[in-house]
Amino acid sequence: MEEERDFVVFTDEEGNEFELDVIDYFDYKDNEYAILVDCREDADEEEEGGLYIMRIIVSEDGETEEFVPPEDEDMEELIALAEQILSEEECCCDCDDCDCEDGDCGCGEHEHDCNCGCHDKD
């Protein structure tokens, strides 16, 4: 089953709309942040890195979210957190206590068993 993905539409300085894919959310200093990747085929991943970190501001009524750039003084720590989040591999069975690496969890789709117990379930 494919997981649902969040996309956000932004407008650049020239008025062109482009879409960023939210690949993860995290909290930092009592604020919510998102890690986004550029969905455009012509995106220059070498120049921009292809990834963005944006702070999420929720309206008072909770109905809308605004994505804004984080404060410059937080960027170093935010980048480190985002790198850590992106480097963590998740088990394909979504076990919280799984210690598999590279998706080797024994669920029948990989060669190795991470001993998470997912292969023991009926």
C-alpha atoms as a PDB file:
ATOM      1  CA  MET A   1       0.000   0.000   0.000  1.00  0.00           C
ATOM      2  CA  GLU A   2       1.411   3.384  -0.987  1.00  0.00           C
ATOM      3  CA  GLU A   3       1.435   6.028   1.745  1.00  0.00           C
ATOM      4  CA  GLU A   4      -0.339   9.339   1.207  1.00  0.00           C
ATOM      5  CA  ARG A   5       2.008  12.225   0.472  1.00  0.00           C
ATOM      6  CA  ASP A   6       1.628  15.932   1.183  1.00  0.00           C
ATOM      7  CA  PHE A   7       2.417  18.500  -1.501  1.00  0.00           C
ATOM      8  CA  VAL A   8       2.671  22.260  -1.028  1.00  0.00           C
ATOM      9  CA  VAL A   9       2.491  24.821  -3.839  1.00  0.00           C
ATOM     10  CA  PHE A  10       4.880  27.793  -3.648  1.00  0.00           C
ATOM     11  CA  THR A  11       5.402  30.806  -5.896  1.00  0.00           C
ATOM     12  CA  ASP A  12       8.924  31.942  -6.824  1.00  0.00           C
ATOM     13  CA  GLU A  13      10.157  35.530  -7.284  1.00  0.00           C
ATOM     14  CA  GLU A  14       9.013  35.532 -10.922  1.00  0.00           C
ATOM     15  CA  GLY A  15       5.464  34.426 -10.097  1.00  0.00           C
ATOM     16  CA  ASN A  16       5.943  30.831 -11.244  1.00  0.00           C
ATOM     17  CA  GLU A  17       4.226  28.174  -9.158  1.00  0.00           C
ATOM     18  CA  PHE A  18       6.102  25.015  -8.179  1.00  0.00           C
ATOM     19  CA  GLU A  19       5.338  22.083  -5.945  1.00  0.00           C
ATOM     20  CA  LEU A  20       7.357  20.724  -3.030  1.00  0.00           C
ATOM     21  CA  ASP A  21       6.756  17.275  -1.569  1.00  0.00           C
ATOM     22  CA  VAL A  22       6.703  17.067   2.243  1.00  0.00           C
ATOM     23  CA  ILE A  23       8.811  14.048   3.112  1.00  0.00           C
ATOM     24  CA  ASP A  24       8.753  14.405   6.897  1.00  0.00           C
ATOM     25  CA  TYR A  25       7.653  16.574   9.817  1.00  0.00           C
ATOM     26  CA  PHE A  26       9.499  17.245  13.074  1.00  0.00           C
ATOM     27  CA  ASP A  27       9.384  19.520  16.122  1.00  0.00           C
ATOM     28  CA  TYR A  28      12.126  21.885  17.240  1.00  0.00           C
ATOM     29  CA  LYS A  29      11.925  24.514  20.006  1.00  0.00           C
ATOM     30  CA  ASP A  30       8.137  24.165  20.313  1.00  0.00           C
ATOM     31  CA  ASN A  31       7.599  24.730  16.575  1.00  0.00           C
ATOM     32  CA  GLU A  32       6.665  22.304  13.816  1.00  0.00           C
ATOM     33  CA  TYR A  33       8.911  22.021  10.773  1.00  0.00           C
ATOM     34  CA  ALA A  34       8.730  20.150   7.490  1.00  0.00           C
ATOM     35  CA  ILE A  35      11.414  18.667   5.284  1.00  0.00           C
ATOM     36  CA  LEU A  36      10.447  19.201   1.649  1.00  0.00           C
ATOM     37  CA  VAL A  37      11.895  18.118  -1.676  1.00  0.00           C
ATOM     38  CA  ASP A  38      11.490  19.868  -5.023  1.00  0.00           C
ATOM     39  CA  CYS A  39       9.134  17.939  -7.334  1.00  0.00           C
ATOM     40  CA  ARG A  40      10.038  19.780 -10.534  1.00  0.00           C
ATOM     41  CA  GLU A  41      11.767  17.720 -13.179  1.00  0.00           C
ATOM     42  CA  ASP A  42      14.055  20.648 -13.973  1.00  0.00           C
ATOM     43  CA  ALA A  43      15.028  21.204 -10.307  1.00  0.00           C
ATOM     44  CA  ASP A  44      18.747  21.698  -9.910  1.00  0.00           C
ATOM     45  CA  GLU A  45      19.599  19.360  -7.046  1.00  0.00           C
ATOM     46  CA  GLU A  46      23.302  20.209  -7.261  1.00  0.00           C
ATOM     47  CA  GLU A  47      22.771  23.928  -6.765  1.00  0.00           C
ATOM     48  CA  GLU A  48      20.019  23.948  -4.139  1.00  0.00           C
ATOM     49  CA  GLY A  49      20.535  20.524  -2.597  1.00  0.00           C
ATOM     50  CA  GLY A  50      16.963  19.650  -3.581  1.00  0.00           C
ATOM     51  CA  LEU A  51      15.791  19.768   0.053  1.00  0.00           C
ATOM     52  CA  TYR A  52      14.152  22.537   2.031  1.00  0.00           C
ATOM     53  CA  ILE A  53      13.285  23.022   5.692  1.00  0.00           C
ATOM     54  CA  MET A  54      10.259  25.182   6.421  1.00  0.00           C
ATOM     55  CA  ARG A  55       8.568  26.217   9.654  1.00  0.00           C
ATOM     56  CA  ILE A  56       4.838  25.566   9.767  1.00  0.00           C
ATOM     57  CA  ILE A  57       2.567  28.222  11.221  1.00  0.00           C
ATOM     58  CA  VAL A  58      -1.007  27.101  11.872  1.00  0.00           C
ATOM     59  CA  SER A  59      -3.763  29.708  11.820  1.00  0.00           C
ATOM     60  CA  GLU A  60      -5.610  30.467  15.062  1.00  0.00           C
ATOM     61  CA  ASP A  61      -8.674  28.584  13.833  1.00  0.00           C
ATOM     62  CA  GLY A  62      -6.489  25.591  12.914  1.00  0.00           C
ATOM     63  CA  GLU A  63      -7.825  25.575   9.358  1.00  0.00           C
ATOM     64  CA  THR A  64      -4.762  26.713   7.391  1.00  0.00           C
ATOM     65  CA  GLU A  65      -1.018  26.203   7.492  1.00  0.00           C
ATOM     66  CA  GLU A  66       1.614  28.611   6.264  1.00  0.00           C
ATOM     67  CA  PHE A  67       5.114  27.399   5.374  1.00  0.00           C
ATOM     68  CA  VAL A  68       7.787  30.004   6.112  1.00  0.00           C
ATOM     69  CA  PRO A  69      11.592  29.914   6.108  1.00  0.00           C
ATOM     70  CA  PRO A  70      13.104  29.261   9.544  1.00  0.00           C
ATOM     71  CA  GLU A  71      15.185  31.815  11.433  1.00  0.00           C
ATOM     72  CA  ASP A  72      18.808  31.982  10.240  1.00  0.00           C
ATOM     73  CA  GLU A  73      20.178  31.357  13.741  1.00  0.00           C
ATOM     74  CA  ASP A  74      18.347  27.987  13.886  1.00  0.00           C
ATOM     75  CA  MET A  75      19.429  26.701  10.477  1.00  0.00           C
ATOM     76  CA  GLU A  76      22.572  24.851  11.559  1.00  0.00           C
ATOM     77  CA  GLU A  77      20.680  22.827  14.174  1.00  0.00           C
ATOM     78  CA  LEU A  78      17.678  22.311  11.877  1.00  0.00           C
ATOM     79  CA  ILE A  79      19.908  20.970   9.109  1.00  0.00           C
ATOM     80  CA  ALA A  80      21.572  18.567  11.552  1.00  0.00           C
ATOM     81  CA  LEU A  81      18.161  17.346  12.752  1.00  0.00           C
ATOM     82  CA  ALA A  82      16.887  16.935   9.190  1.00  0.00           C
ATOM     83  CA  GLU A  83      20.007  14.974   8.214  1.00  0.00           C
ATOM     84  CA  GLN A  84      19.533  12.694  11.211  1.00  0.00           C
ATOM     85  CA  ILE A  85      15.866  12.132  10.384  1.00  0.00           C
ATOM     86  CA  LEU A  86      16.619  11.395   6.742  1.00  0.00           C
ATOM     87  CA  SER A  87      19.453   9.002   7.582  1.00  0.00           C
ATOM     88  CA  GLU A  88      17.292   6.828   9.834  1.00  0.00           C
ATOM     89  CA  GLU A  89      16.029   3.777   7.997  1.00  0.00           C
ATOM     90  CA  GLU A  90      12.567   2.533   8.876  1.00  0.00           C
ATOM     91  CA  CYS A  91      11.648  -1.109   8.947  1.00  0.00           C
ATOM     92  CA  CYS A  92       9.180  -1.970   6.189  1.00  0.00           C
ATOM     93  CA  CYS A  93       6.822  -3.334   8.840  1.00  0.00           C
ATOM     94  CA  ASP A  94       6.893   0.003  10.735  1.00  0.00           C
ATOM     95  CA  CYS A  95       8.078  -1.558  13.996  1.00  0.00           C
ATOM     96  CA  ASP A  96       9.174   1.009  16.567  1.00  0.00           C
ATOM     97  CA  ASP A  97      11.794  -1.242  18.129  1.00  0.00           C
ATOM     98  CA  CYS A  98      13.182  -2.640  14.891  1.00  0.00           C
ATOM     99  CA  ASP A  99      16.930  -2.484  14.413  1.00  0.00           C
ATOM    100  CA  CYS A 100      17.089  -3.493  10.768  1.00  0.00           C
ATOM    101  CA  GLU A 101      19.313  -1.632   8.348  1.00  0.00           C
ATOM    102  CA  ASP A 102      18.597  -0.962   4.690  1.00  0.00           C
ATOM    103  CA  GLY A 103      15.144  -2.542   4.918  1.00  0.00           C
ATOM    104  CA  ASP A 104      16.441  -6.024   5.817  1.00  0.00           C
ATOM    105  CA  CYS A 105      13.640  -6.949   8.193  1.00  0.00           C
ATOM    106  CA  GLY A 106      12.659 -10.449   7.133  1.00  0.00           C
ATOM    107  CA  CYS A 107       9.180  -9.490   5.998  1.00  0.00           C
ATOM    108  CA  GLY A 108       9.592 -11.559   2.860  1.00  0.00           C
ATOM    109  CA  GLU A 109      10.705  -8.717   0.645  1.00  0.00           C
ATOM    110  CA  HIS A 110      14.343  -8.664   1.751  1.00  0.00           C
ATOM    111  CA  GLU A 111      17.097 -11.238   2.239  1.00  0.00           C
ATOM    112  CA  HIS A 112      17.998 -10.623   5.905  1.00  0.00           C
ATOM    113  CA  ASP A 113      16.112 -10.652   9.201  1.00  0.00           C
ATOM    114  CA  CYS A 114      16.447  -7.763  11.676  1.00  0.00           C
ATOM    115  CA  ASN A 115      14.776  -9.805  14.420  1.00  0.00           C
ATOM    116  CA  CYS A 116      11.955  -7.280  14.804  1.00  0.00           C
ATOM    117  CA  GLY A 117       9.419 -10.083  14.921  1.00  0.00           C
ATOM    118  CA  CYS A 118       7.390  -8.933  11.924  1.00  0.00           C
ATOM    119  CA  HIS A 119       8.007 -12.242  10.151  1.00  0.00           C
ATOM    120  CA  ASP A 120       6.517 -14.115  13.143  1.00  0.00           C
ATOM    121  CA  LYS A 121       3.130 -12.417  12.823  1.00  0.00           C
ATOM    122  CA  ASP A 122       0.285 -14.275  11.116  1.00  0.00           C
END
